[in-house]
Amino acid sequence: MAALFEARGLAIHFGGIKAVDGISFTVDAGTIFTIIGPNGAGKTTIFNLVSRIYRPTAGTILLDGADITAIPAHHIARHGIARTFQNIELFDNRSVLQNIMVGQHVHIRTNVFAETLRLPSVIAAEVKMRRKVEEIIDFLRLAPYRDARVGGLPYGVRKMVELGRALACEPKLLLLDEPSSGLNVEETDDIGVLIGDIRDVLGITVLMVEHDMRLVSAVSDRVLAVNFGRQLALGTPAEVQRDQAVIAAYLGSG
C-alpha cells in the first residue's frame, strides 16, 4: 500500500516550549490513521501543522510525494487536504446547502468576466457543483435539514454539516479533529460507521485526532500515540493500547 501522506521530523517550538518535537509517521492511501494522547499532548498542534495553520520549526510534510511544507494555509485545500475542527465553525445564518457549497468553491475555475456574462461554462460549473453537494447531503442523511438555517440545528447535525463542507472540497486526505467530541454514545457509533464509509465508499484517506478509545479501536487501521509532543507508540489499536508507555501516560506510572 502506497503512502499518501508523510511527516518527517515534524517539530514546532513556541519559545522554549517544544509543542511537537520530531514526530514522524506515514499514512497509507485508503486507510484511517488516528493520533491519540492525553490532553495537551500536541495532537491538535500536529493537525495545525499538517493543515498549514502553523509553520513548522523543523521537518517536512509530504502529500503524494510532493513537499507541501511551505504551502500557505489558504491553498492547502487545492492540494487535496480538508479538515474539520473540534469547535464547529459554520455560517449560522446560512442554510445547510449553502454551508456545504462553500467547500466546492475551491474547485471554481471561472473568472469575473465569464460570471458577469453568465456564459455556458459558468452555468455548467454551477450545475456540477450543485450536483456534488446534493450527493454529499444524501450521503450524510442531511436531506431533512437541507434548507434549514444552520444556527437553529442540533449540535450533532451541525457536526455533520461541517463534515459535509470538508467533503465538498473533494479531498484526498480528510483531517477529522475530535469527531466524537460533544456526541452521545449512539451518535459516536453513527460517526464511526460514517468514517468507515468515507474510506470504503468515497475512497478518502482519513487522518483523525480522537480521545474516545472505543471509536479509535472500531475504525482505525493504525494509531500513533503522542505525549508532550513526542511519539510514544505506533501500531494497530490493540498494539498501542497494550504499550506500557501509553498506559503510563494515560493512567500514571504509579
Protein backbone atom coordinates (compact mmCIF):
# COMPACT_ATOMS: atom_id res chain seq x y z
CA MET A 1 0.00 0.00 0.00
CA ALA A 2 1.46 3.37 -1.05
CA ALA A 3 1.92 6.25 1.37
CA LEU A 4 -0.36 9.19 0.60
CA PHE A 5 0.94 11.39 3.42
CA GLU A 6 4.21 11.55 5.31
CA ALA A 7 5.51 13.69 8.15
CA ARG A 8 9.30 13.64 8.65
CA GLY A 9 10.82 15.01 11.84
CA LEU A 10 7.94 17.44 12.33
CA ALA A 11 8.54 19.99 15.08
CA ILE A 12 7.27 23.34 16.28
CA HIS A 13 8.63 25.36 19.19
CA PHE A 14 6.89 28.26 20.91
CA GLY A 15 9.76 30.00 22.63
CA GLY A 16 11.27 27.33 24.87
CA ILE A 17 8.23 25.05 24.65
CA LYS A 18 8.55 22.13 22.25
CA ALA A 19 4.88 21.57 21.42
CA VAL A 20 5.78 19.00 18.76
CA ASP A 21 9.26 17.53 18.88
CA GLY A 22 10.41 15.41 15.95
CA ILE A 23 7.25 13.47 15.05
CA SER A 24 7.45 11.16 12.01
CA PHE A 25 4.69 8.97 10.54
CA THR A 26 3.15 7.89 7.25
CA VAL A 27 -0.49 7.46 6.27
CA ASP A 28 -1.16 4.89 3.57
CA ALA A 29 -3.78 5.64 0.92
CA GLY A 30 -7.19 4.17 1.73
CA THR A 31 -6.61 3.87 5.50
CA ILE A 32 -7.79 5.53 8.70
CA PHE A 33 -4.86 6.76 10.80
CA THR A 34 -5.56 8.11 14.30
CA ILE A 35 -3.47 10.26 16.64
CA ILE A 36 -4.19 9.81 20.35
CA GLY A 37 -2.74 11.17 23.57
CA PRO A 38 -3.62 12.86 26.87
CA ASN A 39 -4.83 16.46 26.98
CA GLY A 40 -2.04 18.82 25.94
CA ALA A 41 -0.07 16.04 24.23
CA GLY A 42 0.26 18.01 20.97
CA LYS A 43 -2.39 16.24 18.88
CA THR A 44 -4.21 19.29 17.54
CA THR A 45 -0.89 21.10 17.10
CA ILE A 46 0.15 18.31 14.72
CA PHE A 47 -3.12 18.86 12.84
CA ASN A 48 -2.44 22.58 12.65
CA LEU A 49 0.97 21.83 11.16
CA VAL A 50 -0.47 19.41 8.60
CA SER A 51 -3.17 21.89 7.54
CA ARG A 52 -0.53 24.64 7.46
CA ILE A 53 -2.16 26.86 10.09
CA TYR A 54 1.22 26.67 11.86
CA ARG A 55 4.58 26.82 10.15
CA PRO A 56 6.89 24.08 11.44
CA THR A 57 10.15 24.93 13.16
CA ALA A 58 11.64 21.84 11.55
CA GLY A 59 10.61 18.87 9.47
CA THR A 60 8.96 18.07 6.14
CA ILE A 61 5.35 17.40 5.13
CA LEU A 62 4.72 15.32 2.00
CA LEU A 63 1.45 14.65 0.16
CA ASP A 64 1.57 12.17 -2.71
CA GLY A 65 5.36 12.54 -2.61
CA ALA A 66 5.24 16.33 -3.09
CA ASP A 67 6.70 18.66 -0.46
CA ILE A 68 3.84 20.87 0.88
CA THR A 69 5.71 22.16 3.95
CA ALA A 70 5.74 25.78 2.76
CA ILE A 71 2.32 25.91 1.09
CA PRO A 72 0.12 28.63 2.67
CA ALA A 73 -2.98 27.51 4.57
CA HIS A 74 -5.42 29.11 2.09
CA HIS A 75 -4.02 26.93 -0.72
CA ILE A 76 -3.96 23.62 1.15
CA ALA A 77 -7.47 22.55 0.06
CA ARG A 78 -6.44 22.84 -3.59
CA HIS A 79 -3.74 20.29 -2.93
CA GLY A 80 -6.24 17.77 -1.59
CA ILE A 81 -6.41 18.29 2.19
CA ALA A 82 -9.62 19.27 4.02
CA ARG A 83 -10.36 19.31 7.73
CA THR A 84 -12.99 19.69 10.40
CA PHE A 85 -12.41 21.45 13.72
CA GLN A 86 -13.05 20.46 17.31
CA ASN A 87 -15.03 23.68 17.71
CA ILE A 88 -17.58 23.87 14.90
CA GLU A 89 -17.01 26.78 12.51
CA LEU A 90 -20.07 27.38 10.28
CA PHE A 91 -22.11 30.26 8.85
CA ASP A 92 -25.03 30.16 11.30
CA ASN A 93 -27.31 32.41 9.27
CA ARG A 94 -26.96 30.32 6.11
CA SER A 95 -28.67 27.06 5.18
CA VAL A 96 -27.15 23.59 5.29
CA LEU A 97 -26.94 23.62 1.50
CA GLN A 98 -25.17 26.99 1.41
CA ASN A 99 -22.66 25.96 4.08
CA ILE A 100 -21.70 22.79 2.24
CA MET A 101 -21.49 24.68 -1.07
CA VAL A 102 -18.63 26.71 0.42
CA GLY A 103 -16.40 23.64 0.20
CA GLN A 104 -16.93 23.44 -3.56
CA HIS A 105 -15.59 26.95 -4.14
CA VAL A 106 -12.04 25.59 -4.10
CA HIS A 107 -12.83 24.00 -7.47
CA ILE A 108 -14.13 27.17 -9.17
CA ARG A 109 -12.17 27.81 -12.36
CA THR A 110 -14.31 30.57 -13.91
CA ASN A 111 -13.41 34.29 -13.98
CA VAL A 112 -15.25 37.53 -13.26
CA PHE A 113 -15.84 38.23 -16.97
CA ALA A 114 -17.44 34.82 -17.57
CA GLU A 115 -19.56 35.06 -14.42
CA THR A 116 -20.80 38.57 -15.28
CA LEU A 117 -21.98 37.38 -18.71
CA ARG A 118 -23.31 34.10 -17.29
CA LEU A 119 -21.53 32.16 -20.01
CA PRO A 120 -22.47 28.50 -20.56
CA SER A 121 -19.24 27.40 -18.85
CA VAL A 122 -20.32 29.20 -15.66
CA ILE A 123 -23.78 27.62 -15.68
CA ALA A 124 -22.30 24.16 -16.31
CA ALA A 125 -19.84 24.61 -13.43
CA GLU A 126 -22.66 25.66 -11.06
CA VAL A 127 -24.76 22.66 -12.05
CA LYS A 128 -21.82 20.33 -11.43
CA MET A 129 -21.14 21.91 -8.02
CA ARG A 130 -24.80 21.70 -7.01
CA ARG A 131 -24.98 18.04 -8.04
CA LYS A 132 -21.90 17.21 -5.95
CA VAL A 133 -23.32 18.98 -2.89
CA GLU A 134 -26.65 17.18 -3.23
CA GLU A 135 -24.77 13.87 -3.29
CA ILE A 136 -23.00 14.80 -0.06
CA ILE A 137 -26.29 15.81 1.58
CA ASP A 138 -27.74 12.41 0.69
CA PHE A 139 -24.59 10.59 1.86
CA LEU A 140 -24.72 12.32 5.27
CA ARG A 141 -28.51 11.95 5.53
CA LEU A 142 -28.94 15.71 5.80
CA ALA A 143 -31.85 15.96 3.33
CA PRO A 144 -34.42 16.82 6.08
CA TYR A 145 -32.27 19.83 7.04
CA ARG A 146 -31.23 20.85 3.53
CA ASP A 147 -32.80 24.34 3.58
CA ALA A 148 -32.73 24.88 7.35
CA ARG A 149 -30.69 27.67 8.91
CA VAL A 150 -27.62 26.07 10.49
CA GLY A 151 -27.74 28.19 13.66
CA GLY A 152 -31.00 26.55 14.75
CA LEU A 153 -29.92 22.94 14.31
CA PRO A 154 -28.88 20.40 16.99
CA TYR A 155 -25.18 20.04 17.73
CA GLY A 156 -24.87 16.60 16.15
CA VAL A 157 -26.43 17.80 12.89
CA ARG A 158 -24.13 20.83 12.83
CA LYS A 159 -21.14 18.48 13.08
CA MET A 160 -22.46 16.62 10.03
CA VAL A 161 -22.76 19.92 8.14
CA GLU A 162 -19.14 20.78 8.90
CA LEU A 163 -18.12 17.32 7.74
CA GLY A 164 -20.16 17.87 4.58
CA ARG A 165 -18.34 21.11 3.85
CA ALA A 166 -14.99 19.31 4.18
CA LEU A 167 -16.15 16.52 1.87
CA ALA A 168 -17.28 19.12 -0.66
CA CYS A 169 -13.62 20.08 -1.07
CA GLU A 170 -13.21 16.58 -2.60
CA PRO A 171 -10.05 15.86 -0.58
CA LYS A 172 -7.51 13.09 -0.94
CA LEU A 173 -6.83 13.38 2.79
CA LEU A 174 -9.55 14.28 5.30
CA LEU A 175 -8.46 15.56 8.73
CA LEU A 176 -11.03 14.94 11.48
CA ASP A 177 -10.32 16.78 14.73
CA GLU A 178 -12.13 15.02 17.61
CA PRO A 179 -15.15 13.89 15.54
CA SER A 180 -16.89 12.37 18.60
CA SER A 181 -16.49 15.49 20.75
CA GLY A 182 -19.86 16.52 22.23
CA LEU A 183 -21.68 13.45 20.90
CA ASN A 184 -23.53 10.81 22.91
CA VAL A 185 -22.79 7.08 22.65
CA GLU A 186 -25.32 6.44 19.87
CA GLU A 187 -24.11 9.43 17.84
CA THR A 188 -20.50 8.29 18.33
CA ASP A 189 -21.38 4.84 16.98
CA ASP A 190 -23.03 6.51 13.97
CA ILE A 191 -19.99 8.68 13.28
CA GLY A 192 -17.81 5.57 13.44
CA VAL A 193 -19.87 3.89 10.71
CA LEU A 194 -19.75 7.09 8.68
CA ILE A 195 -15.96 7.39 8.93
CA GLY A 196 -15.67 3.82 7.66
CA ASP A 197 -17.95 4.70 4.74
CA ILE A 198 -15.87 7.77 3.92
CA ARG A 199 -12.91 5.44 3.45
CA ASP A 200 -14.68 2.46 1.88
CA VAL A 201 -17.39 4.15 -0.21
CA LEU A 202 -15.85 7.53 -1.05
CA GLY A 203 -12.26 6.28 -1.17
CA ILE A 204 -10.95 9.11 1.01
CA THR A 205 -7.98 8.58 3.32
CA VAL A 206 -8.63 9.76 6.89
CA LEU A 207 -6.23 11.26 9.44
CA MET A 208 -8.01 11.67 12.76
CA VAL A 209 -7.37 13.05 16.24
CA GLU A 210 -9.64 11.33 18.75
CA HIS A 211 -9.94 10.75 22.51
CA ASP A 212 -12.70 8.11 22.53
CA MET A 213 -10.73 4.85 22.53
CA ARG A 214 -13.84 2.84 21.70
CA LEU A 215 -14.19 4.77 18.46
CA VAL A 216 -10.43 4.61 17.81
CA SER A 217 -10.45 0.82 18.16
CA ALA A 218 -13.53 0.45 15.97
CA VAL A 219 -12.33 2.38 12.91
CA SER A 220 -8.55 2.84 12.94
CA ASP A 221 -6.08 0.90 10.83
CA ARG A 222 -3.05 2.48 12.51
CA VAL A 223 -2.66 4.56 15.66
CA LEU A 224 0.05 7.00 16.77
CA ALA A 225 0.20 7.79 20.49
CA VAL A 226 1.92 11.02 21.50
CA ASN A 227 2.68 12.82 24.75
CA PHE A 228 4.49 16.10 25.36
CA GLY A 229 4.89 16.42 21.59
CA ARG A 230 6.82 13.17 21.22
CA GLN A 231 5.94 9.73 19.89
CA LEU A 232 5.06 7.09 22.48
CA ALA A 233 3.91 4.22 20.27
CA LEU A 234 2.85 3.40 16.71
CA GLY A 235 0.92 0.35 15.54
CA THR A 236 -2.52 -1.22 15.42
CA PRO A 237 -5.10 -0.01 18.00
CA ALA A 238 -4.57 -3.18 20.08
CA GLU A 239 -0.77 -2.87 20.00
CA VAL A 240 -0.82 0.77 21.06
CA GLN A 241 -3.33 0.22 23.87
CA ARG A 242 -1.08 -2.53 25.31
CA ASP A 243 2.05 -0.37 25.17
CA GLN A 244 3.35 0.35 28.67
CA ALA A 245 4.41 3.93 27.82
CA VAL A 246 0.89 4.66 26.60
CA ILE A 247 -0.68 3.13 29.69
CA ALA A 248 1.62 5.22 31.91
CA ALA A 249 0.79 8.43 30.00
CA TYR A 250 -2.95 7.90 30.43
CA LEU A 251 -3.08 6.34 33.88
CA GLY A 252 0.15 7.41 35.56
CA SER A 253 3.24 5.31 36.16
CA GLY A 254 2.32 4.57 39.75
